Every structure is written in structure tokens, then in C-alpha cells.
């Protein structure tokens, strides 16, 4: 069985520490836990490894957020990975900071990365793991907020939250989405 875990973010040093790049941070921790390294690959950086006998591809697309679907579709087709074995990790304004929410399907909720994935895959029915970044911004400041850096109190809590999300991703691979949702949602 093969799995594709995709962390959404934007390439470039100016985006590294932004809220929108939490998907990249979580996949970095995931690769560390699996003891694999990212290599430059088609449409991004790819780390390949095994977890409990299952092949896992961890992807950080270099297409920029709004074109993430190209990378997802390419690697699904190249590696013949079924939709139910794909997990998309993304930020979510609708959830309080650090909240973990895994779902098997859903809308893009206005997230351009998810919107593009939905367009490319022609479905909303794919697993996603959402990291709450809250909505602590003034009207008209959404872009500045998601592309802004974490507040100091958030930075203190990030390492633990990122590790929990990486562990939830591994649980998805081994225990499946339902068991992982029961064990991790809301934690």
C-alpha cells in the first residue's frame, strides 16, 4: 500500500515562518520522524520512506499554494496512489490556533490550495488535515494575516502542535482515517 501526504505551503524564504506554510512545517516533522530526507522532484520536494510496512511519499509542492493540485495529481498518477490514501495538510482560518481537524471530505472553505486540488481531482472527497490558525485579523487583512508570521505565544506552542499533527499523519497511514479522527480530532 502506498500513501501520499502533502503539506501545503509556498516556496521561498519569505514564506518559511508564515501561518500559510504550516503544511510544510508538519511535513518536515513527519520526514524527521520517518528518518527520511526531502529531495528535489517533479512539482516539489519529495521524501520517500516506509511506516509499518507501508510506502509513504511526503510532498511539499513548489507550485505555490494556488496551484497545489498539479503536484498532487502528478504524484497520485505517477505512483498509482488511490484518493483515499492521500492526505492534504493545510491551514484553516475557521479553527482556533492549533486545533486539529481531520476529515475525509469537505469544501475548500475559501482556501485557494484546496480549491485548486478540488479542481484538478474533480472531487471534494479526499482526506485533509486542517491546522487551526484562527482568524485574529481586522476586516480586509486576511492575506496579510495568513502570510504573516506567528505571534510569540503561538511560536511557543508550535513545536508540540506540529509533532501532534505529524503523529496524526502517521496514524492515518497505519490506523486509517476513522480511527485517526476518533483519536486525534480536537486534540
C-alpha atoms as a PDB file:
ATOM      1  CA  UNK A   1       0.000   0.000   0.000  1.00  0.00           C
ATOM      2  CA  UNK A   2       1.206   3.477  -0.907  1.00  0.00           C
ATOM      3  CA  UNK A   3       0.307   6.785   0.706  1.00  0.00           C
ATOM      4  CA  UNK A   4       0.842  10.385  -0.335  1.00  0.00           C
ATOM      5  CA  UNK A   5       0.957  13.031   2.391  1.00  0.00           C
ATOM      6  CA  UNK A   6       1.044  16.580   1.059  1.00  0.00           C
ATOM      7  CA  UNK A   7       1.810  19.639   3.158  1.00  0.00           C
ATOM      8  CA  UNK A   8       0.594  22.845   1.559  1.00  0.00           C
ATOM      9  CA  UNK A   9       2.733  25.971   1.592  1.00  0.00           C
ATOM     10  CA  UNK A  10       4.650  28.431  -0.541  1.00  0.00           C
ATOM     11  CA  UNK A  11       8.265  28.112  -1.620  1.00  0.00           C
ATOM     12  CA  UNK A  12      10.704  30.880  -0.769  1.00  0.00           C
ATOM     13  CA  UNK A  13      12.402  32.118   2.379  1.00  0.00           C
ATOM     14  CA  UNK A  14       9.899  34.960   2.801  1.00  0.00           C
ATOM     15  CA  UNK A  15       7.140  32.372   3.436  1.00  0.00           C
ATOM     16  CA  UNK A  16       9.016  29.906   5.658  1.00  0.00           C
ATOM     17  CA  UNK A  17       7.700  31.111   9.018  1.00  0.00           C
ATOM     18  CA  UNK A  18       4.205  32.177   7.904  1.00  0.00           C
ATOM     19  CA  UNK A  19       0.890  30.711   9.049  1.00  0.00           C
ATOM     20  CA  UNK A  20       0.102  29.643   5.474  1.00  0.00           C
ATOM     21  CA  UNK A  21       3.184  27.373   5.481  1.00  0.00           C
ATOM     22  CA  UNK A  22       2.158  25.182   8.402  1.00  0.00           C
ATOM     23  CA  UNK A  23       1.715  22.271   5.968  1.00  0.00           C
ATOM     24  CA  UNK A  24       5.424  22.450   5.113  1.00  0.00           C
ATOM     25  CA  UNK A  25       6.356  22.563   8.829  1.00  0.00           C
ATOM     26  CA  UNK A  26       4.276  19.468   9.586  1.00  0.00           C
ATOM     27  CA  UNK A  27       5.708  17.504   6.649  1.00  0.00           C
ATOM     28  CA  UNK A  28       9.224  18.489   7.765  1.00  0.00           C
ATOM     29  CA  UNK A  29       8.485  16.954  11.187  1.00  0.00           C
ATOM     30  CA  UNK A  30       6.888  13.919   9.524  1.00  0.00           C
ATOM     31  CA  UNK A  31      10.018  13.314   7.428  1.00  0.00           C
ATOM     32  CA  UNK A  32      12.127  13.700  10.587  1.00  0.00           C
ATOM     33  CA  UNK A  33      10.015  11.114  12.455  1.00  0.00           C
ATOM     34  CA  UNK A  34      10.294   8.718   9.481  1.00  0.00           C
ATOM     35  CA  UNK A  35      14.047   9.444   9.265  1.00  0.00           C
ATOM     36  CA  UNK A  36      13.891  10.400   5.583  1.00  0.00           C
ATOM     37  CA  UNK A  37      15.154  13.464   3.706  1.00  0.00           C
ATOM     38  CA  UNK A  38      13.472  15.626   1.096  1.00  0.00           C
ATOM     39  CA  UNK A  39      14.885  15.591  -2.426  1.00  0.00           C
ATOM     40  CA  UNK A  40      14.056  17.904  -5.296  1.00  0.00           C
ATOM     41  CA  UNK A  41      11.468  16.191  -7.519  1.00  0.00           C
ATOM     42  CA  UNK A  42       8.803  16.992 -10.096  1.00  0.00           C
ATOM     43  CA  UNK A  43       6.498  19.735  -8.752  1.00  0.00           C
ATOM     44  CA  UNK A  44       8.236  19.981  -5.381  1.00  0.00           C
ATOM     45  CA  UNK A  45      10.325  18.254  -2.760  1.00  0.00           C
ATOM     46  CA  UNK A  46       9.666  14.602  -2.005  1.00  0.00           C
ATOM     47  CA  UNK A  47      10.695  12.357   0.882  1.00  0.00           C
ATOM     48  CA  UNK A  48      10.069   8.624   0.485  1.00  0.00           C
ATOM     49  CA  UNK A  49      10.029   6.105   3.277  1.00  0.00           C
ATOM     50  CA  UNK A  50       8.180   3.296   4.970  1.00  0.00           C
ATOM     51  CA  UNK A  51       5.971   3.307   8.014  1.00  0.00           C
ATOM     52  CA  UNK A  52       4.850  -0.016   9.487  1.00  0.00           C
ATOM     53  CA  UNK A  53       5.315  -1.741   6.129  1.00  0.00           C
ATOM     54  CA  UNK A  54       3.550   0.885   4.048  1.00  0.00           C
ATOM     55  CA  UNK A  55       5.278   3.091   1.495  1.00  0.00           C
ATOM     56  CA  UNK A  56       4.810   6.772   2.293  1.00  0.00           C
ATOM     57  CA  UNK A  57       5.588   9.683  -0.012  1.00  0.00           C
ATOM     58  CA  UNK A  58       5.735  13.052   1.722  1.00  0.00           C
ATOM     59  CA  UNK A  59       5.416  16.019  -0.636  1.00  0.00           C
ATOM     60  CA  UNK A  60       5.956  19.755  -0.324  1.00  0.00           C
ATOM     61  CA  UNK A  61       4.707  21.234  -3.632  1.00  0.00           C
ATOM     62  CA  UNK A  62       6.802  24.022  -5.168  1.00  0.00           C
ATOM     63  CA  UNK A  63       3.900  25.213  -7.322  1.00  0.00           C
ATOM     64  CA  UNK A  64       2.837  27.890  -4.823  1.00  0.00           C
ATOM     65  CA  UNK A  65      -0.336  27.351  -2.849  1.00  0.00           C
ATOM     66  CA  UNK A  66      -2.829  28.264  -5.577  1.00  0.00           C
ATOM     67  CA  UNK A  67      -1.562  25.544  -7.959  1.00  0.00           C
ATOM     68  CA  UNK A  68      -1.038  22.723  -5.437  1.00  0.00           C
ATOM     69  CA  UNK A  69      -3.422  20.444  -7.333  1.00  0.00           C
ATOM     70  CA  UNK A  70      -0.905  19.976 -10.170  1.00  0.00           C
ATOM     71  CA  UNK A  71       1.619  18.413  -7.794  1.00  0.00           C
ATOM     72  CA  UNK A  72      -0.980  16.266  -6.028  1.00  0.00           C
ATOM     73  CA  UNK A  73      -2.419  14.920  -9.269  1.00  0.00           C
ATOM     74  CA  UNK A  74       1.038  14.258 -10.787  1.00  0.00           C
ATOM     75  CA  UNK A  75       2.257  12.169  -7.834  1.00  0.00           C
ATOM     76  CA  UNK A  76      -1.034  10.308  -7.441  1.00  0.00           C
ATOM     77  CA  UNK A  77      -0.875   9.267 -11.093  1.00  0.00           C
ATOM     78  CA  UNK A  78       2.870   8.577 -11.175  1.00  0.00           C
ATOM     79  CA  UNK A  79       2.773   6.364  -8.080  1.00  0.00           C
ATOM     80  CA  UNK A  80      -0.753   4.988  -8.672  1.00  0.00           C
ATOM     81  CA  UNK A  81      -1.979   6.146  -5.263  1.00  0.00           C
ATOM     82  CA  UNK A  82      -5.743   5.956  -4.664  1.00  0.00           C
ATOM     83  CA  UNK A  83      -7.561   9.074  -3.459  1.00  0.00           C
ATOM     84  CA  UNK A  84      -8.367   7.551  -0.060  1.00  0.00           C
ATOM     85  CA  UNK A  85      -4.605   7.167   0.582  1.00  0.00           C
ATOM     86  CA  UNK A  86      -3.876  10.858   0.011  1.00  0.00           C
ATOM     87  CA  UNK A  87      -3.774  13.278   2.949  1.00  0.00           C
ATOM     88  CA  UNK A  88      -3.617  17.049   2.409  1.00  0.00           C
ATOM     89  CA  UNK A  89      -2.284  19.122   5.332  1.00  0.00           C
ATOM     90  CA  UNK A  90      -3.345  22.755   5.365  1.00  0.00           C
ATOM     91  CA  UNK A  91      -4.017  25.837   7.482  1.00  0.00           C
ATOM     92  CA  UNK A  92      -7.575  26.767   8.465  1.00  0.00           C
ATOM     93  CA  UNK A  93      -8.815  30.222   9.496  1.00  0.00           C
ATOM     94  CA  UNK A  94     -12.089  28.850  10.861  1.00  0.00           C
ATOM     95  CA  UNK A  95     -10.419  26.867  13.658  1.00  0.00           C
ATOM     96  CA  UNK A  96      -8.797  28.232  16.831  1.00  0.00           C
ATOM     97  CA  UNK A  97      -4.996  28.198  16.908  1.00  0.00           C
ATOM     98  CA  UNK A  98      -3.504  24.704  16.939  1.00  0.00           C
ATOM     99  CA  UNK A  99      -6.836  22.867  16.633  1.00  0.00           C
ATOM    100  CA  UNK A 100      -6.542  19.577  14.758  1.00  0.00           C
ATOM    101  CA  UNK A 101      -9.375  18.562  12.433  1.00  0.00           C
ATOM    102  CA  UNK A 102      -9.116  15.580  10.097  1.00  0.00           C
ATOM    103  CA  UNK A 103     -11.956  14.909   7.650  1.00  0.00           C
ATOM    104  CA  UNK A 104     -12.492  12.519   4.770  1.00  0.00           C
ATOM    105  CA  UNK A 105     -14.104  15.147   2.566  1.00  0.00           C
ATOM    106  CA  UNK A 106     -15.420  18.680   2.582  1.00  0.00           C
ATOM    107  CA  UNK A 107     -15.496  22.023   0.859  1.00  0.00           C
ATOM    108  CA  UNK A 108     -12.443  24.142   0.123  1.00  0.00           C
ATOM    109  CA  UNK A 109     -13.788  26.726   2.643  1.00  0.00           C
ATOM    110  CA  UNK A 110     -12.301  29.502   0.506  1.00  0.00           C
ATOM    111  CA  UNK A 111      -8.764  28.060   0.726  1.00  0.00           C
ATOM    112  CA  UNK A 112      -7.091  28.519  -2.668  1.00  0.00           C
ATOM    113  CA  UNK A 113      -4.820  25.484  -2.296  1.00  0.00           C
ATOM    114  CA  UNK A 114      -7.771  23.191  -1.553  1.00  0.00           C
ATOM    115  CA  UNK A 115      -9.796  24.863  -4.310  1.00  0.00           C
ATOM    116  CA  UNK A 116      -7.109  24.017  -6.875  1.00  0.00           C
ATOM    117  CA  UNK A 117      -6.776  20.435  -5.617  1.00  0.00           C
ATOM    118  CA  UNK A 118     -10.540  20.028  -5.906  1.00  0.00           C
ATOM    119  CA  UNK A 119     -10.462  21.371  -9.475  1.00  0.00           C
ATOM    120  CA  UNK A 120      -7.588  19.098 -10.519  1.00  0.00           C
ATOM    121  CA  UNK A 121      -9.020  15.951  -8.881  1.00  0.00           C
ATOM    122  CA  UNK A 122     -12.637  16.781  -9.797  1.00  0.00           C
ATOM    123  CA  UNK A 123     -13.852  15.905  -6.299  1.00  0.00           C
ATOM    124  CA  UNK A 124     -14.136  17.222  -2.749  1.00  0.00           C
ATOM    125  CA  UNK A 125     -13.846  13.684  -1.394  1.00  0.00           C
ATOM    126  CA  UNK A 126     -10.227  13.485  -0.295  1.00  0.00           C
ATOM    127  CA  UNK A 127      -8.797  13.316   3.236  1.00  0.00           C
ATOM    128  CA  UNK A 128      -7.476  16.530   4.712  1.00  0.00           C
ATOM    129  CA  UNK A 129      -5.848  17.508   7.973  1.00  0.00           C
ATOM    130  CA  UNK A 130      -6.542  21.103   8.963  1.00  0.00           C
ATOM    131  CA  UNK A 131      -4.382  23.139  11.362  1.00  0.00           C
ATOM    132  CA  UNK A 132      -6.281  25.964  13.043  1.00  0.00           C
ATOM    133  CA  UNK A 133      -4.608  29.352  12.645  1.00  0.00           C
ATOM    134  CA  UNK A 134      -7.652  31.305  13.993  1.00  0.00           C
ATOM    135  CA  UNK A 135      -8.978  34.483  12.445  1.00  0.00           C
ATOM    136  CA  UNK A 136      -7.362  37.184  14.565  1.00  0.00           C
ATOM    137  CA  UNK A 137      -7.292  39.891  11.919  1.00  0.00           C
ATOM    138  CA  UNK A 138      -9.187  43.048  11.030  1.00  0.00           C
ATOM    139  CA  UNK A 139     -11.544  43.238   8.080  1.00  0.00           C
ATOM    140  CA  UNK A 140      -9.584  43.277   4.810  1.00  0.00           C
ATOM    141  CA  UNK A 141      -6.394  41.968   6.453  1.00  0.00           C
ATOM    142  CA  UNK A 142      -6.824  38.233   5.733  1.00  0.00           C
ATOM    143  CA  UNK A 143      -3.981  37.962   3.207  1.00  0.00           C
ATOM    144  CA  UNK A 144      -1.562  39.820   5.473  1.00  0.00           C
ATOM    145  CA  UNK A 145      -2.610  37.561   8.354  1.00  0.00           C
ATOM    146  CA  UNK A 146      -2.165  34.185   6.629  1.00  0.00           C
ATOM    147  CA  UNK A 147       1.105  35.354   5.061  1.00  0.00           C
ATOM    148  CA  UNK A 148       2.208  36.845   8.378  1.00  0.00           C
ATOM    149  CA  UNK A 149       4.441  35.227  10.959  1.00  0.00           C
ATOM    150  CA  UNK A 150       3.216  33.557  14.144  1.00  0.00           C
ATOM    151  CA  UNK A 151       2.673  35.583  17.306  1.00  0.00           C
ATOM    152  CA  UNK A 152       5.162  34.910  20.134  1.00  0.00           C
ATOM    153  CA  UNK A 153       2.674  32.905  22.228  1.00  0.00           C
ATOM    154  CA  UNK A 154       1.855  30.779  19.159  1.00  0.00           C
ATOM    155  CA  UNK A 155       5.549  30.174  18.464  1.00  0.00           C
ATOM    156  CA  UNK A 156       5.939  28.706  21.953  1.00  0.00           C
ATOM    157  CA  UNK A 157       3.183  26.153  21.321  1.00  0.00           C
ATOM    158  CA  UNK A 158       4.061  25.319  17.698  1.00  0.00           C
ATOM    159  CA  UNK A 159       6.646  22.533  18.256  1.00  0.00           C
ATOM    160  CA  UNK A 160       4.202  20.420  20.291  1.00  0.00           C
ATOM    161  CA  UNK A 161       1.318  21.072  17.878  1.00  0.00           C
ATOM    162  CA  UNK A 162       3.445  20.266  14.824  1.00  0.00           C
ATOM    163  CA  UNK A 163       4.566  16.973  16.403  1.00  0.00           C
ATOM    164  CA  UNK A 164       0.930  16.034  17.195  1.00  0.00           C
ATOM    165  CA  UNK A 165      -0.065  16.717  13.587  1.00  0.00           C
ATOM    166  CA  UNK A 166       2.853  14.637  12.263  1.00  0.00           C
ATOM    167  CA  UNK A 167       1.808  11.782  14.566  1.00  0.00           C
ATOM    168  CA  UNK A 168      -1.796  12.091  13.310  1.00  0.00           C
ATOM    169  CA  UNK A 169      -0.454  11.815   9.743  1.00  0.00           C
ATOM    170  CA  UNK A 170       1.352   8.572  10.625  1.00  0.00           C
ATOM    171  CA  UNK A 171      -1.795   7.299  12.317  1.00  0.00           C
ATOM    172  CA  UNK A 172      -3.699   7.985   9.076  1.00  0.00           C
ATOM    173  CA  UNK A 173      -1.239   5.704   7.252  1.00  0.00           C
ATOM    174  CA  UNK A 174      -1.406   2.856   9.748  1.00  0.00           C
ATOM    175  CA  UNK A 175      -4.787   3.067  11.505  1.00  0.00           C
ATOM    176  CA  UNK A 176      -6.917   4.666   8.768  1.00  0.00           C
ATOM    177  CA  UNK A 177      -8.907   7.868   8.707  1.00  0.00           C
ATOM    178  CA  UNK A 178     -11.788   6.863  11.006  1.00  0.00           C
ATOM    179  CA  UNK A 179      -9.545   5.637  13.838  1.00  0.00           C
ATOM    180  CA  UNK A 180      -7.295   8.673  13.428  1.00  0.00           C
ATOM    181  CA  UNK A 181     -10.224  11.095  13.521  1.00  0.00           C
ATOM    182  CA  UNK A 182     -11.503   9.421  16.709  1.00  0.00           C
ATOM    183  CA  UNK A 183      -8.073   9.515  18.344  1.00  0.00           C
ATOM    184  CA  UNK A 184      -6.854  12.977  17.270  1.00  0.00           C
ATOM    185  CA  UNK A 185      -9.707  15.342  16.326  1.00  0.00           C
ATOM    186  CA  UNK A 186      -9.974  18.139  18.849  1.00  0.00           C
ATOM    187  CA  UNK A 187      -6.573  17.371  20.414  1.00  0.00           C
END
